[in-house]
Protein backbone atom coordinates (compact mmCIF):
# COMPACT_ATOMS: atom_id res chain seq x y z
CA UNK A 1 0.00 0.00 0.00
CA UNK A 2 1.26 3.50 -0.75
CA UNK A 3 2.64 5.11 2.42
CA UNK A 4 -0.01 7.17 4.23
CA UNK A 5 0.74 10.90 4.07
CA UNK A 6 0.12 11.10 7.83
CA UNK A 7 3.03 8.74 8.56
CA UNK A 8 5.67 11.16 7.23
CA UNK A 9 8.61 12.29 9.36
CA UNK A 10 12.02 12.61 7.61
CA UNK A 11 13.60 12.18 4.14
CA UNK A 12 13.45 8.79 2.46
CA UNK A 13 14.44 7.84 -1.10
CA UNK A 14 11.78 7.05 -3.68
CA UNK A 15 13.10 3.49 -4.01
CA UNK A 16 12.64 2.82 -0.30
CA UNK A 17 9.15 4.33 -0.31
CA UNK A 18 8.23 2.11 -3.26
CA UNK A 19 9.68 -0.90 -1.45
CA UNK A 20 7.44 -0.12 1.52
CA UNK A 21 4.48 0.22 -0.82
CA UNK A 22 5.21 -3.14 -2.44
CA UNK A 23 5.50 -4.85 0.96
CA UNK A 24 2.52 -3.09 2.50
CA UNK A 25 4.68 -1.37 5.16
CA UNK A 26 3.51 2.10 6.14
CA UNK A 27 5.23 2.35 9.53
CA UNK A 28 8.60 3.76 8.44
CA UNK A 29 9.73 7.36 8.15
CA UNK A 30 9.48 9.40 4.98
CA UNK A 31 8.29 12.70 3.52
CA UNK A 32 5.13 13.93 1.86
CA UNK A 33 7.16 14.47 -1.29
CA UNK A 34 8.53 10.91 -1.38
CA UNK A 35 5.09 9.40 -0.85
CA UNK A 36 3.66 11.53 -3.64
CA UNK A 37 6.49 10.61 -6.04
CA UNK A 38 5.93 6.94 -5.18
CA UNK A 39 2.25 7.24 -6.03
CA UNK A 40 2.98 8.93 -9.37
CA UNK A 41 5.61 6.30 -10.20
CA UNK A 42 2.86 3.70 -9.80
CA UNK A 43 0.57 5.79 -12.04
CA UNK A 44 3.25 5.87 -14.75
CA UNK A 45 4.02 2.17 -14.37
CA UNK A 46 0.33 1.25 -14.57
CA UNK A 47 -0.03 3.27 -17.78
CA UNK A 48 3.09 1.62 -19.21
CA UNK A 49 1.71 -1.86 -18.54
CA UNK A 50 -1.51 -0.79 -20.23
CA UNK A 51 0.50 0.34 -23.28
CA UNK A 52 2.73 -2.73 -23.48
CA UNK A 53 -0.15 -5.19 -23.16
CA UNK A 54 -2.11 -3.47 -25.92
CA UNK A 55 0.94 -3.21 -28.16
CA UNK A 56 1.57 -6.94 -27.82
CA UNK A 57 -1.89 -7.85 -29.14
CA UNK A 58 -2.47 -8.89 -32.78
CA UNK A 59 -3.79 -6.00 -34.90
CA UNK A 60 -6.83 -7.93 -36.10
CA UNK A 61 -9.24 -5.00 -36.16
CA UNK A 62 -12.93 -5.80 -36.53
CA UNK A 63 -15.46 -3.46 -38.11
CA UNK A 64 -16.26 -1.93 -34.71
CA UNK A 65 -13.33 -2.69 -32.41
CA UNK A 66 -13.72 -2.49 -28.66
CA UNK A 67 -11.35 -0.23 -26.72
CA UNK A 68 -10.22 -2.53 -23.91
CA UNK A 69 -10.23 -1.51 -20.27
CA UNK A 70 -7.88 0.03 -17.67
CA UNK A 71 -4.73 -1.98 -17.15
CA UNK A 72 -4.63 -3.17 -20.75
CA UNK A 73 -6.01 -6.62 -19.98
CA UNK A 74 -8.58 -6.37 -22.77
CA UNK A 75 -6.07 -5.40 -25.44
CA UNK A 76 -7.82 -4.35 -28.64
CA UNK A 77 -11.00 -6.20 -27.77
CA UNK A 78 -13.15 -6.94 -24.76
CA UNK A 79 -15.07 -4.86 -22.25
CA UNK A 80 -16.13 -1.39 -23.40
CA UNK A 81 -15.00 1.43 -21.15
CA UNK A 82 -14.22 4.19 -23.64
CA UNK A 83 -13.93 4.75 -27.36
CA UNK A 84 -11.52 4.12 -30.20
CA UNK A 85 -11.21 5.31 -33.78
CA UNK A 86 -8.82 3.77 -36.31
CA UNK A 87 -7.69 4.83 -39.78
CA UNK A 88 -5.61 2.62 -42.07
CA UNK A 89 -2.99 3.64 -44.67
CA UNK A 90 -0.91 1.73 -47.21
CA UNK A 91 2.81 2.20 -47.86
CA UNK A 92 2.07 5.12 -50.22
CA UNK A 93 0.10 6.92 -47.53
CA UNK A 94 -3.29 6.27 -49.14
CA UNK A 95 -6.21 5.71 -46.78
CA UNK A 96 -7.77 2.25 -46.80
CA UNK A 97 -11.36 1.24 -46.06
CA UNK A 98 -10.28 -1.60 -43.76
CA UNK A 99 -7.25 -3.23 -42.21
CA UNK A 100 -5.33 -5.56 -44.53
CA UNK A 101 -2.63 -7.74 -42.96
CA UNK A 102 -0.47 -7.58 -46.11
CA UNK A 103 -0.88 -4.03 -47.43
CA UNK A 104 -1.70 -1.85 -44.41
CA UNK A 105 1.51 -0.09 -43.40
CA UNK A 106 0.36 2.59 -40.92
CA UNK A 107 -2.56 2.74 -38.49
CA UNK A 108 -3.71 5.92 -36.79
CA UNK A 109 -5.44 5.12 -33.49
CA UNK A 110 -7.36 7.53 -31.26
CA UNK A 111 -7.93 5.62 -28.05
CA UNK A 112 -9.72 6.38 -24.79
CA UNK A 113 -9.92 4.27 -21.65
CA UNK A 114 -11.46 5.10 -18.28
CA UNK A 115 -12.31 3.33 -15.07
CA UNK A 116 -10.76 2.14 -11.83
CA UNK A 117 -7.42 0.37 -11.42
CA UNK A 118 -6.47 -1.74 -8.39
CA UNK A 119 -2.91 -2.90 -7.76
CA UNK A 120 -2.60 -4.64 -4.40
CA UNK A 121 -3.91 -1.96 -1.98
CA UNK A 122 -3.34 0.89 -4.45
CA UNK A 123 -6.62 2.02 -6.06
CA UNK A 124 -7.12 4.94 -8.44
CA UNK A 125 -9.63 6.27 -10.96
CA UNK A 126 -8.06 6.92 -14.35
CA UNK A 127 -9.01 8.50 -17.66
CA UNK A 128 -6.48 8.29 -20.50
CA UNK A 129 -6.66 9.45 -24.11
CA UNK A 130 -4.08 8.41 -26.68
CA UNK A 131 -3.41 9.60 -30.22
CA UNK A 132 -1.10 6.96 -31.70
CA UNK A 133 0.47 5.98 -35.00
CA UNK A 134 1.86 2.49 -35.50
CA UNK A 135 4.03 2.04 -38.60
CA UNK A 136 6.08 -0.58 -40.43
CA UNK A 137 3.21 -3.05 -40.79
CA UNK A 138 3.20 -3.91 -44.50
CA UNK A 139 4.29 -7.39 -45.52
CA UNK A 140 5.88 -9.95 -43.20
CA UNK A 141 7.17 -7.47 -40.59
CA UNK A 142 9.13 -8.58 -37.51
CA UNK A 143 8.48 -5.46 -35.47
CA UNK A 144 6.45 -2.26 -35.56
CA UNK A 145 7.06 1.28 -34.30
CA UNK A 146 4.74 3.38 -32.13
CA UNK A 147 4.74 7.19 -31.94
CA UNK A 148 2.19 9.63 -30.62
CA UNK A 149 0.96 11.55 -27.61
CA UNK A 150 -1.78 11.56 -25.03
CA UNK A 151 -3.28 12.98 -21.85
CA UNK A 152 -4.53 11.54 -18.57
CA UNK A 153 -6.40 12.33 -15.37
CA UNK A 154 -5.85 10.27 -12.23
CA UNK A 155 -7.48 10.65 -8.82
CA UNK A 156 -7.10 8.94 -5.47
CA UNK A 157 -8.71 9.37 -2.08
CA UNK A 158 -8.06 8.00 1.41
CA UNK A 159 -9.87 8.50 4.69
CA UNK A 160 -7.71 9.81 7.54
CA UNK A 161 -8.57 10.36 11.19
CA UNK A 162 -8.62 14.11 10.61
CA UNK A 163 -10.60 13.95 7.38
CA UNK A 164 -10.26 13.09 3.69
CA UNK A 165 -6.93 13.29 1.85
CA UNK A 166 -7.11 13.21 -1.95
CA UNK A 167 -5.15 14.09 -5.03
CA UNK A 168 -6.03 14.89 -8.60
CA UNK A 169 -3.31 14.57 -11.24
CA UNK A 170 -3.45 15.74 -14.84
CA UNK A 171 -0.72 15.03 -17.31
CA UNK A 172 0.48 14.58 -20.85
CA UNK A 173 2.79 12.05 -22.44
CA UNK A 174 4.74 11.49 -25.65
CA UNK A 175 5.71 8.20 -27.29
CA UNK A 176 8.95 8.37 -29.26
CA UNK A 177 9.98 5.52 -31.58
CA UNK A 178 8.88 2.66 -29.33
CA UNK A 179 9.85 -0.47 -31.30
CA UNK A 180 7.75 -3.54 -30.42
CA UNK A 181 8.14 -7.11 -31.77
CA UNK A 182 5.12 -8.53 -33.56
CA UNK A 183 2.73 -10.79 -31.65
CA UNK A 184 4.08 -14.30 -31.01
CA UNK A 185 7.80 -13.51 -31.40
CA UNK A 186 10.63 -13.20 -28.89
CA UNK A 187 11.68 -11.06 -27.18
CA UNK A 188 8.11 -10.02 -26.45
CA UNK A 189 8.88 -6.65 -24.85
CA UNK A 190 9.62 -3.26 -26.50
CA UNK A 191 13.13 -3.23 -27.96
CA UNK A 192 13.80 0.50 -27.70
CA UNK A 193 12.17 3.91 -27.42
CA UNK A 194 10.84 6.16 -24.68
CA UNK A 195 7.65 7.46 -23.11
CA UNK A 196 7.98 10.91 -21.54
CA UNK A 197 5.29 11.93 -19.04
CA UNK A 198 4.67 15.24 -17.26
CA UNK A 199 2.13 15.25 -14.43
CA UNK A 200 0.82 18.06 -12.26
CA UNK A 201 -0.82 16.85 -9.08
CA UNK A 202 -2.90 18.78 -6.56
CA UNK A 203 -3.04 17.25 -3.08
CA UNK A 204 -5.96 18.29 -0.86
CA UNK A 205 -5.81 17.55 2.85
CA UNK A 206 -7.70 18.86 5.88
CA UNK A 207 -4.79 21.22 6.59
CA UNK A 208 -4.59 22.69 3.09
CA UNK A 209 -3.72 22.16 -0.55
CA UNK A 210 -0.46 21.95 -2.51
CA UNK A 211 0.59 21.37 -6.12
CA UNK A 212 3.59 19.54 -7.53
CA UNK A 213 4.81 18.84 -11.09
CA UNK A 214 6.64 15.58 -11.84
CA UNK A 215 8.58 14.51 -14.95
CA UNK A 216 8.91 10.81 -15.72
CA UNK A 217 10.89 9.23 -18.57
CA UNK A 218 10.38 5.51 -19.29
CA UNK A 219 13.03 3.74 -21.39
CA UNK A 220 12.76 0.31 -23.03
CA UNK A 221 15.67 -2.00 -23.93
CA UNK A 222 14.11 -5.34 -24.95
CA UNK A 223 13.98 -7.18 -21.64
CA UNK A 224 11.10 -7.62 -19.19
CA UNK A 225 11.88 -4.42 -17.30
CA UNK A 226 11.75 -0.75 -18.22
CA UNK A 227 13.58 2.06 -16.46
CA UNK A 228 11.45 4.92 -15.13
CA UNK A 229 13.34 8.08 -14.20
CA UNK A 230 11.12 10.01 -11.78
CA UNK A 231 12.40 13.56 -11.30
CA UNK A 232 15.95 12.28 -11.77
CA UNK A 233 15.68 9.10 -9.64
CA UNK A 234 15.47 5.67 -11.28
CA UNK A 235 13.07 2.85 -10.45
CA UNK A 236 12.44 -0.35 -12.40
CA UNK A 237 9.07 -1.36 -13.89
CA UNK A 238 8.36 -5.07 -14.20
CA UNK A 239 6.62 -5.43 -17.57
CA UNK A 240 5.62 -9.02 -16.73
CA UNK A 241 3.65 -7.99 -13.64
CA UNK A 242 0.37 -9.84 -13.25
CA UNK A 243 -2.83 -7.83 -13.36
CA UNK A 244 -3.61 -6.31 -9.97
CA UNK A 245 -0.05 -6.39 -8.60
CA UNK A 246 2.36 -3.52 -7.96
CA UNK A 247 4.70 -3.33 -10.98
CA UNK A 248 8.19 -3.08 -9.49
CA UNK A 249 10.33 -6.19 -9.90
CA UNK A 250 13.42 -5.34 -7.85
CA UNK A 251 11.32 -3.90 -5.04
CA UNK A 252 9.43 -7.10 -4.30
CA UNK A 253 10.23 -9.21 -1.27
């Protein structure tokens, strides 16, 4: 569980705060800032798992594809919780009426997902919108490349003895040349590329309100982990994390 903001006393690194979150330990020292950074690292990691799981799905678009659901478990099909629009182009940049596994080279995807995400004791409401372009699809491709941008809103709330503590975060993100192997090949994780996120979070507590901006850069290198640099400090995202678990491999017990 993410450390309670009432249990804060003295400085603690983000990695240690995340370790406490992964182990459910909220009794140690820390700072409001560390706890907030830990929460936003989980937000970024959750969004990354959502991306990676959708990217790993076959691009077998139906006439009216479903958008999936928070966490990415539904991929390109499954439970409706938002909307999605897709446009197909061939290698010459000409728009196509439908997806063709041999001739479609680029797909433009406008994707929305909203709902609630639970990871161990961490629960948040999320709303993400993505404007993506996946390229390099024509013929017998071995990998494809994702670029694009998006925005998100995330909110959390907890009940404290002195009242309600909550935060509302809004942010934007950019995908830059994320290279992903095609479905069914190895390695199964993104080979390279980055996702850059900027989030501004407003924390409201009984004793007042404060705002903080956080920059997060996520880098892929082909293995089952990605590096997230959160305001200059690195943590490791486990891309193989099961649905509903906190996504930090090296911080598990």
